[in-house]
Amino acid sequence: MKLNNKILISNSLLSLFMLVVTGLGTYYVVNTTIYDELDFHLLQHKADIQQQLMEDPNSLDEVKRLGGLGSYEWVEISDFDQSITLHSNNFSTIDTVRYAEVSELPESYRKLTTTLSVGGSHFLLEIFEEVAAWEKISMTVMLSVLAALFMWVILLYVVNQYAFGRILSPFYDTVDRLEHISSPNELGEPFPEPNTYEIRVLNNALNTMLTQIKSSFDDQRKFIQNASHELLTPLSIIRQKAEKLISDSEEPDPSSLERLHEIQQTAVRLTRLSNTLLLISRVENKQYEMSDQIDIIQIVERVLKELADFTEIKEITIETEFSRAVNIKGNRELIHSAVYNIIQNAIKFSPDGGKIRISIAENASDQIVLSVKDEGPGIPEDLIDQVFDRFRKGDKLSGHGSSSPGLGLSIVKSICELHGCEYKAVNNPDKGVSFSLIF
């Protein structure tokens, strides 16, 4: 999940929590205020009755008669029975039926139970006031507050979405660039210095780190290129001298002759290795023209002709299935080298009398795939992703002991990256490996 979304979700959850807490608090405050107002109103009503009876004690019967006629409140006056303390005010909320002949449903009332003093006599006074109207006011106030808070949460989310998007935009630009860097050749321009302090520190640290990586990579690449180039001359001299010694010896000692052959073969292998490293270095330095229009099927057919002697020696059957033509723009010789290496690799690790299937078809993503499937020993699953790396030991990767993919598949990797192609190796369900170039 993106950082922006995490922040927004956290803020939204916090806002909703505060909304619930505020709603409960608002309900408590409004409800308490309403009941305080009700109690004050009941006390005021008691004071009015007491004042009227002090001015006209004879109006007690009239107060009793008129007390029950109010719409929202009524008054009941009865003889004092010592049930409460004299001159005390007791408040309570009760559910009762006022007019049983009209409705039997109980309604909620706030009740004040107190005493009256009229002409030296004491009476029990009960004043009832309907709560429903006040509760409607309380609910209206609370819903209004909650609606306002909810609108505030929505507004806050929208504003945060916009604000965080603007604030974190440089950070996401940095992440997006990092995701598209697959090699030091693709570093591009340095990361910018945004206004946000933390992102600026991050970009500066990345610039320093990537500069050091690119410098180390360039130094390594130059060393490989220079070393490979410098090795070619002494290796050529060694080969020539070994050949001369072999050809000049009239009656060579078998032991000496064998050693000379070993020297010559070692020099040949080292020369091939140096040439391969030079090729990889030149590919990575993009020292090749990329303007050729390349017919992949034509390249495959040409490679198969070049490797025909090897397939005949091992009695390997080649099956081809080209469901569609594919043409790409790039360097013809490099593509030829990539195709040559994967087919040669399949021949190398296929058993005598085996079968190699070469196909060109579209995959589920509408990409064109050149697939070379052999019947070799396969590759351990934990190492299959490393077959395109350089100098992997053959006994771990191929199961052939001294045999190894060497630098051939590394060349494939470099050429594919130069042409923007994908490459992969997967073990077949039954046996062998499928190497694929995806255009």
Protein backbone atom coordinates (compact mmCIF):
# COMPACT_ATOMS: atom_id res chain seq x y z
CA MET A 1 0.00 0.00 0.00
CA LYS A 2 1.27 3.46 -0.86
CA LEU A 3 2.47 5.80 1.88
CA ASN A 4 -0.09 8.38 0.80
CA ASN A 5 -2.95 5.90 1.22
CA LYS A 6 -1.66 4.75 4.61
CA ILE A 7 -1.57 8.33 5.87
CA LEU A 8 -5.05 9.02 4.52
CA ILE A 9 -6.47 5.85 6.06
CA SER A 10 -4.83 6.64 9.41
CA ASN A 11 -6.21 10.18 9.36
CA SER A 12 -9.64 8.93 8.32
CA LEU A 13 -9.75 6.34 11.11
CA LEU A 14 -8.61 8.95 13.62
CA SER A 15 -11.25 11.37 12.32
CA LEU A 16 -13.96 8.72 12.56
CA PHE A 17 -12.85 7.88 16.09
CA MET A 18 -13.02 11.55 17.03
CA LEU A 19 -16.42 11.74 15.33
CA VAL A 20 -17.75 8.92 17.51
CA VAL A 21 -16.21 10.36 20.69
CA THR A 22 -17.46 13.84 19.85
CA GLY A 23 -20.91 12.48 19.06
CA LEU A 24 -21.16 10.70 22.39
CA GLY A 25 -19.78 13.74 24.18
CA THR A 26 -22.19 16.03 22.36
CA TYR A 27 -25.11 13.76 23.27
CA TYR A 28 -24.08 13.77 26.92
CA VAL A 29 -23.58 17.54 27.07
CA VAL A 30 -26.80 18.35 25.19
CA ASN A 31 -28.80 15.84 27.22
CA THR A 32 -27.42 17.16 30.50
CA THR A 33 -28.14 20.74 29.44
CA ILE A 34 -31.68 19.84 28.41
CA TYR A 35 -32.43 18.17 31.75
CA ASP A 36 -30.86 21.04 33.65
CA GLU A 37 -33.13 23.39 31.70
CA LEU A 38 -36.14 21.16 32.45
CA ASP A 39 -35.33 21.12 36.17
CA PHE A 40 -34.93 24.90 36.19
CA HIS A 41 -38.24 25.27 34.38
CA LEU A 42 -39.97 22.99 36.93
CA LEU A 43 -38.50 24.98 39.84
CA GLN A 44 -39.70 28.20 38.18
CA HIS A 45 -43.17 26.71 37.86
CA LYS A 46 -43.11 25.74 41.55
CA ALA A 47 -42.06 29.29 42.48
CA ASP A 48 -44.96 30.72 40.45
CA ILE A 49 -47.46 28.42 42.19
CA GLN A 50 -46.00 29.23 45.61
CA GLN A 51 -46.16 32.96 44.85
CA GLN A 52 -49.78 32.74 43.70
CA LEU A 53 -50.84 30.79 46.81
CA MET A 54 -49.04 33.23 49.11
CA GLU A 55 -50.93 36.11 47.53
CA ASP A 56 -54.27 34.27 47.47
CA PRO A 57 -54.44 31.13 49.66
CA ASN A 58 -58.05 30.55 48.60
CA SER A 59 -56.95 29.85 45.02
CA LEU A 60 -55.62 26.40 46.00
CA ASP A 61 -58.69 24.60 44.69
CA GLU A 62 -58.49 26.52 41.43
CA VAL A 63 -54.80 25.61 41.06
CA LYS A 64 -55.67 21.95 41.63
CA ARG A 65 -58.45 22.15 39.03
CA LEU A 66 -56.40 23.96 36.39
CA GLY A 67 -53.14 22.09 37.04
CA GLY A 68 -53.97 19.18 34.80
CA LEU A 69 -55.03 21.19 31.76
CA GLY A 70 -51.54 22.01 30.34
CA SER A 71 -50.50 20.55 27.03
CA TYR A 72 -46.94 19.63 28.00
CA GLU A 73 -47.10 19.74 31.77
CA TRP A 74 -49.50 19.24 34.61
CA VAL A 75 -49.63 19.77 38.34
CA GLU A 76 -50.95 17.51 41.10
CA ILE A 77 -51.42 18.80 44.66
CA SER A 78 -52.25 16.38 47.49
CA ASP A 79 -52.01 16.19 51.28
CA PHE A 80 -48.51 16.00 52.68
CA ASP A 81 -47.83 12.40 53.79
CA GLN A 82 -44.25 12.68 55.11
CA SER A 83 -42.96 10.69 52.08
CA ILE A 84 -40.34 13.33 51.37
CA THR A 85 -38.40 15.83 53.39
CA LEU A 86 -40.15 19.13 53.91
CA HIS A 87 -39.07 21.88 51.49
CA SER A 88 -36.89 19.45 49.46
CA ASN A 89 -36.86 19.21 45.65
CA ASN A 90 -36.67 15.72 44.18
CA PHE A 91 -36.28 15.25 40.42
CA SER A 92 -36.92 12.05 38.48
CA THR A 93 -37.77 10.86 34.97
CA ILE A 94 -40.74 8.55 34.69
CA ASP A 95 -42.82 6.84 32.01
CA THR A 96 -46.55 7.21 32.69
CA VAL A 97 -49.92 7.39 30.93
CA ARG A 98 -51.56 10.79 31.36
CA TYR A 99 -54.81 10.24 29.47
CA ALA A 100 -55.68 6.53 29.55
CA GLU A 101 -58.91 7.15 27.62
CA VAL A 102 -56.90 8.65 24.74
CA SER A 103 -53.82 6.43 24.63
CA GLU A 104 -52.45 3.62 26.74
CA LEU A 105 -48.89 4.18 25.55
CA PRO A 106 -46.68 5.59 28.30
CA GLU A 107 -44.82 8.83 27.70
CA SER A 108 -41.67 10.12 29.33
CA TYR A 109 -41.98 12.98 31.83
CA ARG A 110 -39.62 14.90 34.05
CA LYS A 111 -41.11 15.03 37.53
CA LEU A 112 -40.50 17.45 40.41
CA THR A 113 -41.69 16.22 43.80
CA THR A 114 -41.68 18.93 46.47
CA THR A 115 -43.84 20.60 49.13
CA LEU A 116 -46.03 23.69 49.36
CA SER A 117 -46.88 25.82 52.40
CA VAL A 118 -50.33 27.37 52.28
CA GLY A 119 -51.73 29.16 55.32
CA GLY A 120 -49.57 27.17 57.74
CA SER A 121 -50.49 23.82 56.15
CA HIS A 122 -48.17 21.68 54.01
CA PHE A 123 -49.10 19.98 50.74
CA LEU A 124 -47.34 17.55 48.42
CA LEU A 125 -46.69 19.16 45.02
CA GLU A 126 -45.88 17.10 41.90
CA ILE A 127 -45.14 18.91 38.66
CA PHE A 128 -44.83 16.88 35.44
CA GLU A 129 -43.34 18.15 32.18
CA GLU A 130 -43.23 16.16 28.95
CA VAL A 131 -39.70 15.19 27.85
CA ALA A 132 -40.45 14.27 24.22
CA ALA A 133 -40.34 17.83 22.90
CA TRP A 134 -37.08 18.50 24.69
CA GLU A 135 -35.61 15.22 23.44
CA LYS A 136 -36.49 16.25 19.90
CA ILE A 137 -34.54 19.43 20.42
CA SER A 138 -31.65 17.42 21.89
CA MET A 139 -31.67 14.98 18.97
CA THR A 140 -31.85 17.81 16.43
CA VAL A 141 -28.87 19.55 18.01
CA MET A 142 -26.86 16.34 18.21
CA LEU A 143 -27.61 15.30 14.60
CA SER A 144 -26.72 18.78 13.39
CA VAL A 145 -23.40 18.61 15.18
CA LEU A 146 -22.69 15.09 13.88
CA ALA A 147 -23.63 16.09 10.32
CA ALA A 148 -21.29 19.05 10.53
CA LEU A 149 -18.51 16.83 11.89
CA PHE A 150 -19.10 14.22 9.19
CA MET A 151 -18.91 16.87 6.48
CA TRP A 152 -15.71 18.08 8.11
CA VAL A 153 -14.26 14.54 7.96
CA ILE A 154 -15.13 14.27 4.24
CA LEU A 155 -13.68 17.70 3.54
CA LEU A 156 -10.57 16.82 5.54
CA TYR A 157 -10.11 13.61 3.53
CA VAL A 158 -10.41 15.43 0.20
CA VAL A 159 -8.06 18.19 1.28
CA ASN A 160 -5.56 15.65 2.67
CA GLN A 161 -5.76 13.64 -0.55
CA TYR A 162 -4.82 16.71 -2.54
CA ALA A 163 -2.27 18.04 -0.03
CA PHE A 164 -0.49 14.73 0.53
CA GLY A 165 -0.50 14.09 -3.21
CA ARG A 166 1.30 17.39 -3.77
CA ILE A 167 3.66 16.97 -0.81
CA LEU A 168 4.62 13.37 -1.61
CA SER A 169 4.79 13.85 -5.38
CA PRO A 170 8.62 14.27 -5.37
CA PHE A 171 8.92 11.14 -3.23
CA TYR A 172 6.83 9.09 -5.68
CA ASP A 173 8.85 10.49 -8.59
CA THR A 174 11.99 9.22 -6.86
CA VAL A 175 10.46 5.80 -6.22
CA ASP A 176 9.24 5.56 -9.83
CA ARG A 177 12.71 6.33 -11.16
CA LEU A 178 14.29 3.79 -8.82
CA GLU A 179 11.86 1.09 -10.00
CA HIS A 180 12.98 1.63 -13.61
CA ILE A 181 16.71 1.43 -12.87
CA SER A 182 17.87 -2.09 -13.67
CA SER A 183 21.55 -1.35 -14.30
CA PRO A 184 24.07 1.45 -13.67
CA ASN A 185 23.72 2.40 -17.34
CA GLU A 186 20.17 3.63 -16.65
CA LEU A 187 20.85 6.07 -13.81
CA GLY A 188 20.13 9.14 -15.91
CA GLU A 189 20.06 12.62 -14.42
CA PRO A 190 20.62 13.17 -10.67
CA PHE A 191 17.54 13.25 -8.47
CA PRO A 192 16.24 16.81 -7.93
CA GLU A 193 16.24 18.69 -4.61
CA PRO A 194 12.59 19.28 -3.59
CA ASN A 195 11.43 21.71 -0.91
CA THR A 196 10.57 18.97 1.58
CA TYR A 197 13.56 18.46 3.87
CA GLU A 198 13.23 14.68 4.33
CA ILE A 199 12.80 14.00 0.60
CA ARG A 200 15.71 16.32 -0.21
CA VAL A 201 17.95 14.39 2.21
CA LEU A 202 16.78 11.11 0.64
CA ASN A 203 17.48 12.30 -2.91
CA ASN A 204 20.91 13.64 -1.95
CA ALA A 205 21.79 10.30 -0.31
CA LEU A 206 20.57 8.43 -3.41
CA ASN A 207 22.58 10.70 -5.70
CA THR A 208 25.73 10.05 -3.67
CA MET A 209 25.13 6.30 -3.55
CA LEU A 210 24.26 5.93 -7.24
CA THR A 211 27.22 8.08 -8.28
CA GLN A 212 29.54 5.77 -6.36
CA ILE A 213 27.86 2.70 -7.87
CA LYS A 214 28.16 4.10 -11.40
CA SER A 215 31.80 5.04 -10.79
CA SER A 216 32.59 1.55 -9.50
CA PHE A 217 30.72 -0.01 -12.41
CA ASP A 218 32.55 2.14 -14.94
CA ASP A 219 35.90 1.30 -13.33
CA GLN A 220 35.06 -2.41 -13.38
CA ARG A 221 33.89 -2.27 -16.98
CA LYS A 222 37.03 -0.39 -18.08
CA PHE A 223 39.21 -2.87 -16.22
CA ILE A 224 37.54 -5.86 -17.88
CA GLN A 225 37.78 -4.24 -21.29
CA ASN A 226 41.41 -3.19 -20.85
CA ALA A 227 42.46 -6.48 -19.26
CA SER A 228 40.74 -8.53 -21.98
CA HIS A 229 42.30 -6.42 -24.68
CA GLU A 230 45.77 -6.57 -23.13
CA LEU A 231 45.55 -10.35 -22.70
CA LEU A 232 44.94 -10.99 -26.38
CA THR A 233 48.50 -10.12 -27.47
CA PRO A 234 50.42 -12.40 -25.02
CA LEU A 235 47.87 -15.17 -25.57
CA SER A 236 48.40 -14.91 -29.31
CA ILE A 237 52.17 -15.13 -28.78
CA ILE A 238 51.77 -18.19 -26.55
CA ARG A 239 49.60 -19.92 -29.15
CA GLN A 240 52.06 -19.14 -31.95
CA LYS A 241 55.06 -20.35 -29.99
CA ALA A 242 53.25 -23.54 -28.96
CA GLU A 243 52.27 -24.22 -32.58
CA LYS A 244 55.82 -23.52 -33.73
CA LEU A 245 57.29 -25.90 -31.14
CA ILE A 246 54.84 -28.60 -32.22
CA SER A 247 55.54 -28.14 -35.92
CA ASP A 248 59.36 -27.80 -35.55
CA SER A 249 59.82 -30.94 -33.47
CA GLU A 250 61.02 -33.75 -35.78
CA GLU A 251 60.61 -36.50 -33.24
CA PRO A 252 58.71 -34.92 -30.38
CA ASP A 253 58.59 -36.57 -27.04
CA PRO A 254 55.00 -37.75 -26.48
CA SER A 255 54.96 -36.27 -22.99
CA SER A 256 56.27 -32.91 -24.20
CA LEU A 257 53.88 -32.96 -27.14
CA GLU A 258 50.93 -33.52 -24.79
CA ARG A 259 52.01 -30.60 -22.61
CA LEU A 260 52.35 -28.36 -25.67
CA HIS A 261 48.83 -29.30 -26.75
CA GLU A 262 47.53 -28.48 -23.28
CA ILE A 263 49.27 -25.10 -23.40
CA GLN A 264 47.77 -24.43 -26.81
CA GLN A 265 44.24 -25.43 -25.71
CA THR A 266 44.51 -23.29 -22.58
CA ALA A 267 45.61 -20.33 -24.67
CA VAL A 268 42.66 -20.92 -27.03
CA ARG A 269 40.21 -20.97 -24.10
CA LEU A 270 41.70 -17.81 -22.61
CA THR A 271 41.54 -16.08 -26.00
CA ARG A 272 37.88 -17.06 -26.35
CA LEU A 273 37.21 -15.79 -22.82
CA SER A 274 38.92 -12.47 -23.51
CA ASN A 275 36.96 -12.01 -26.73
CA THR A 276 33.73 -12.78 -24.91
CA LEU A 277 34.48 -10.25 -22.15
CA LEU A 278 35.32 -7.66 -24.77
CA LEU A 279 32.00 -8.37 -26.51
CA ILE A 280 30.04 -7.99 -23.26
CA SER A 281 31.90 -4.78 -22.41
CA ARG A 282 31.20 -3.30 -25.83
CA VAL A 283 27.53 -4.27 -25.59
CA GLU A 284 27.22 -2.65 -22.17
CA ASN A 285 29.00 0.45 -23.50
CA LYS A 286 26.50 0.52 -26.41
CA GLN A 287 29.26 0.55 -29.02
CA TYR A 288 27.10 -1.10 -31.69
CA GLU A 289 24.81 0.37 -34.33
CA MET A 290 21.15 -0.45 -33.71
CA SER A 291 19.63 0.34 -37.09
CA ASP A 292 19.30 -3.15 -38.69
CA GLN A 293 15.90 -4.62 -39.54
CA ILE A 294 16.20 -8.19 -38.25
CA ASP A 295 14.11 -11.21 -39.26
CA ILE A 296 14.27 -13.54 -36.23
CA ILE A 297 13.19 -16.64 -38.20
CA GLN A 298 15.98 -16.02 -40.69
CA ILE A 299 18.47 -15.70 -37.83
CA VAL A 300 17.29 -19.00 -36.29
CA GLU A 301 17.59 -20.85 -39.62
CA ARG A 302 21.10 -19.47 -40.16
CA VAL A 303 22.20 -20.54 -36.65
CA LEU A 304 20.81 -24.04 -37.17
CA LYS A 305 22.89 -24.37 -40.36
CA GLU A 306 26.02 -23.28 -38.50
CA LEU A 307 25.39 -25.81 -35.73
CA ALA A 308 24.31 -28.65 -38.02
CA ASP A 309 27.58 -30.56 -37.52
CA PHE A 310 27.12 -30.58 -33.73
CA THR A 311 23.52 -31.81 -33.94
CA GLU A 312 24.59 -34.59 -36.33
CA ILE A 313 27.42 -35.72 -34.06
CA LYS A 314 25.02 -36.01 -31.09
CA GLU A 315 22.16 -37.27 -33.31
CA ILE A 316 19.87 -34.57 -31.95
CA THR A 317 16.50 -33.97 -33.62
CA ILE A 318 15.54 -30.33 -34.18
CA GLU A 319 11.83 -29.49 -34.34
CA THR A 320 10.76 -25.98 -35.36
CA GLU A 321 7.36 -24.33 -35.20
CA PHE A 322 7.09 -20.71 -36.33
CA SER A 323 3.48 -19.57 -35.95
CA ARG A 324 4.22 -16.03 -37.02
CA ALA A 325 6.99 -13.82 -38.38
CA VAL A 326 8.83 -11.39 -36.13
CA ASN A 327 11.00 -8.45 -37.14
CA ILE A 328 12.81 -6.14 -34.75
CA LYS A 329 15.18 -3.21 -35.05
CA GLY A 330 18.67 -3.57 -33.59
CA ASN A 331 22.06 -5.06 -34.35
CA ARG A 332 21.90 -8.17 -36.52
CA GLU A 333 25.23 -9.64 -35.39
CA LEU A 334 24.37 -9.28 -31.71
CA ILE A 335 20.93 -10.88 -32.12
CA HIS A 336 22.61 -13.65 -34.09
CA SER A 337 25.05 -14.14 -31.20
CA ALA A 338 22.20 -14.28 -28.63
CA VAL A 339 20.22 -16.86 -30.64
CA TYR A 340 23.40 -18.82 -31.35
CA ASN A 341 24.26 -19.03 -27.64
CA ILE A 342 20.88 -20.31 -26.42
CA ILE A 343 20.64 -22.92 -29.19
CA GLN A 344 24.26 -23.97 -28.69
CA ASN A 345 23.61 -24.23 -24.96
CA ALA A 346 20.60 -26.49 -25.61
CA ILE A 347 22.71 -28.73 -27.89
CA LYS A 348 25.53 -28.84 -25.35
CA PHE A 349 23.37 -30.09 -22.49
CA SER A 350 21.02 -32.33 -24.49
CA PRO A 351 21.73 -36.07 -24.32
CA ASP A 352 22.76 -37.98 -27.42
CA GLY A 353 19.71 -38.82 -29.49
CA GLY A 354 17.68 -36.15 -27.73
CA LYS A 355 15.27 -33.61 -29.18
CA ILE A 356 15.26 -29.80 -29.20
CA ARG A 357 12.09 -27.88 -29.98
CA ILE A 358 12.38 -24.30 -31.26
CA SER A 359 9.21 -22.22 -31.55
CA ILE A 360 8.11 -18.64 -32.18
CA ALA A 361 4.64 -17.72 -30.97
CA GLU A 362 2.62 -15.13 -29.07
CA ASN A 363 2.10 -15.44 -25.33
CA ALA A 364 -0.92 -14.40 -23.27
CA SER A 365 0.38 -10.81 -23.13
CA ASP A 366 0.55 -10.56 -26.95
CA GLN A 367 4.36 -10.65 -26.82
CA ILE A 368 6.36 -12.63 -29.34
CA VAL A 369 8.44 -15.37 -27.73
CA LEU A 370 11.35 -17.34 -29.20
CA SER A 371 11.54 -20.52 -27.10
CA VAL A 372 14.27 -23.19 -27.18
CA LYS A 373 13.31 -26.34 -25.26
CA ASP A 374 15.85 -29.09 -24.62
CA GLU A 375 15.79 -32.47 -22.85
CA GLY A 376 18.83 -31.90 -20.66
CA PRO A 377 19.22 -32.49 -16.92
CA GLY A 378 17.55 -29.23 -15.95
CA ILE A 379 18.67 -26.63 -13.41
CA PRO A 380 18.08 -26.60 -9.63
CA GLU A 381 15.14 -24.32 -8.86
CA ASP A 382 17.13 -22.23 -6.39
CA LEU A 383 19.74 -21.48 -9.08
CA ILE A 384 17.66 -21.13 -12.23
CA ASP A 385 17.48 -17.34 -11.88
CA GLN A 386 21.29 -17.18 -11.88
CA VAL A 387 22.04 -18.92 -15.18
CA PHE A 388 22.33 -15.57 -16.98
CA ASP A 389 24.92 -14.31 -14.47
CA ARG A 390 28.63 -14.53 -15.21
CA PHE A 391 30.99 -17.28 -14.06
CA ARG A 392 28.49 -19.64 -12.40
CA LYS A 393 29.93 -23.06 -11.61
CA GLY A 394 28.76 -25.77 -13.95
CA ASP A 395 28.37 -28.52 -11.33
CA LYS A 396 25.77 -26.42 -9.53
CA LEU A 397 23.91 -25.11 -12.53
CA SER A 398 23.95 -27.89 -15.05
CA GLY A 399 24.64 -31.10 -13.23
CA HIS A 400 27.34 -31.91 -15.82
CA GLY A 401 30.31 -31.56 -13.53
CA SER A 402 32.88 -29.64 -15.53
CA SER A 403 30.38 -28.30 -18.03
CA SER A 404 29.06 -24.82 -17.47
CA PRO A 405 26.98 -22.23 -19.28
CA GLY A 406 30.04 -19.98 -18.87
CA LEU A 407 29.65 -16.54 -20.42
CA GLY A 408 27.32 -17.56 -23.26
CA LEU A 409 24.11 -16.80 -21.39
CA SER A 410 25.67 -13.69 -19.91
CA ILE A 411 26.15 -12.48 -23.48
CA VAL A 412 22.47 -13.23 -24.11
CA LYS A 413 21.53 -11.16 -21.06
CA SER A 414 23.60 -8.14 -22.15
CA ILE A 415 22.32 -8.26 -25.74
CA CYS A 416 18.69 -8.55 -24.62
CA GLU A 417 19.04 -5.62 -22.23
CA LEU A 418 20.59 -3.54 -25.02
CA HIS A 419 17.63 -4.35 -27.32
CA GLY A 420 14.96 -3.97 -24.63
CA CYS A 421 14.03 -7.66 -24.80
CA GLU A 422 13.21 -9.97 -21.91
CA TYR A 423 14.93 -13.28 -21.25
CA LYS A 424 14.15 -16.16 -18.94
CA ALA A 425 14.83 -19.81 -18.23
CA VAL A 426 12.33 -22.27 -16.77
CA ASN A 427 12.53 -25.98 -16.07
CA ASN A 428 10.17 -28.07 -18.15
CA PRO A 429 7.56 -30.16 -16.30
CA ASP A 430 9.08 -33.43 -17.56
CA LYS A 431 12.77 -32.76 -18.19
CA GLY A 432 15.08 -30.19 -19.65
CA VAL A 433 14.98 -26.40 -19.71
CA SER A 434 13.21 -23.84 -21.88
CA PHE A 435 15.17 -20.70 -22.69
CA SER A 436 13.07 -17.83 -24.03
CA LEU A 437 13.72 -14.47 -25.67
CA ILE A 438 10.66 -12.23 -25.41
CA PHE A 439 10.36 -9.44 -28.00
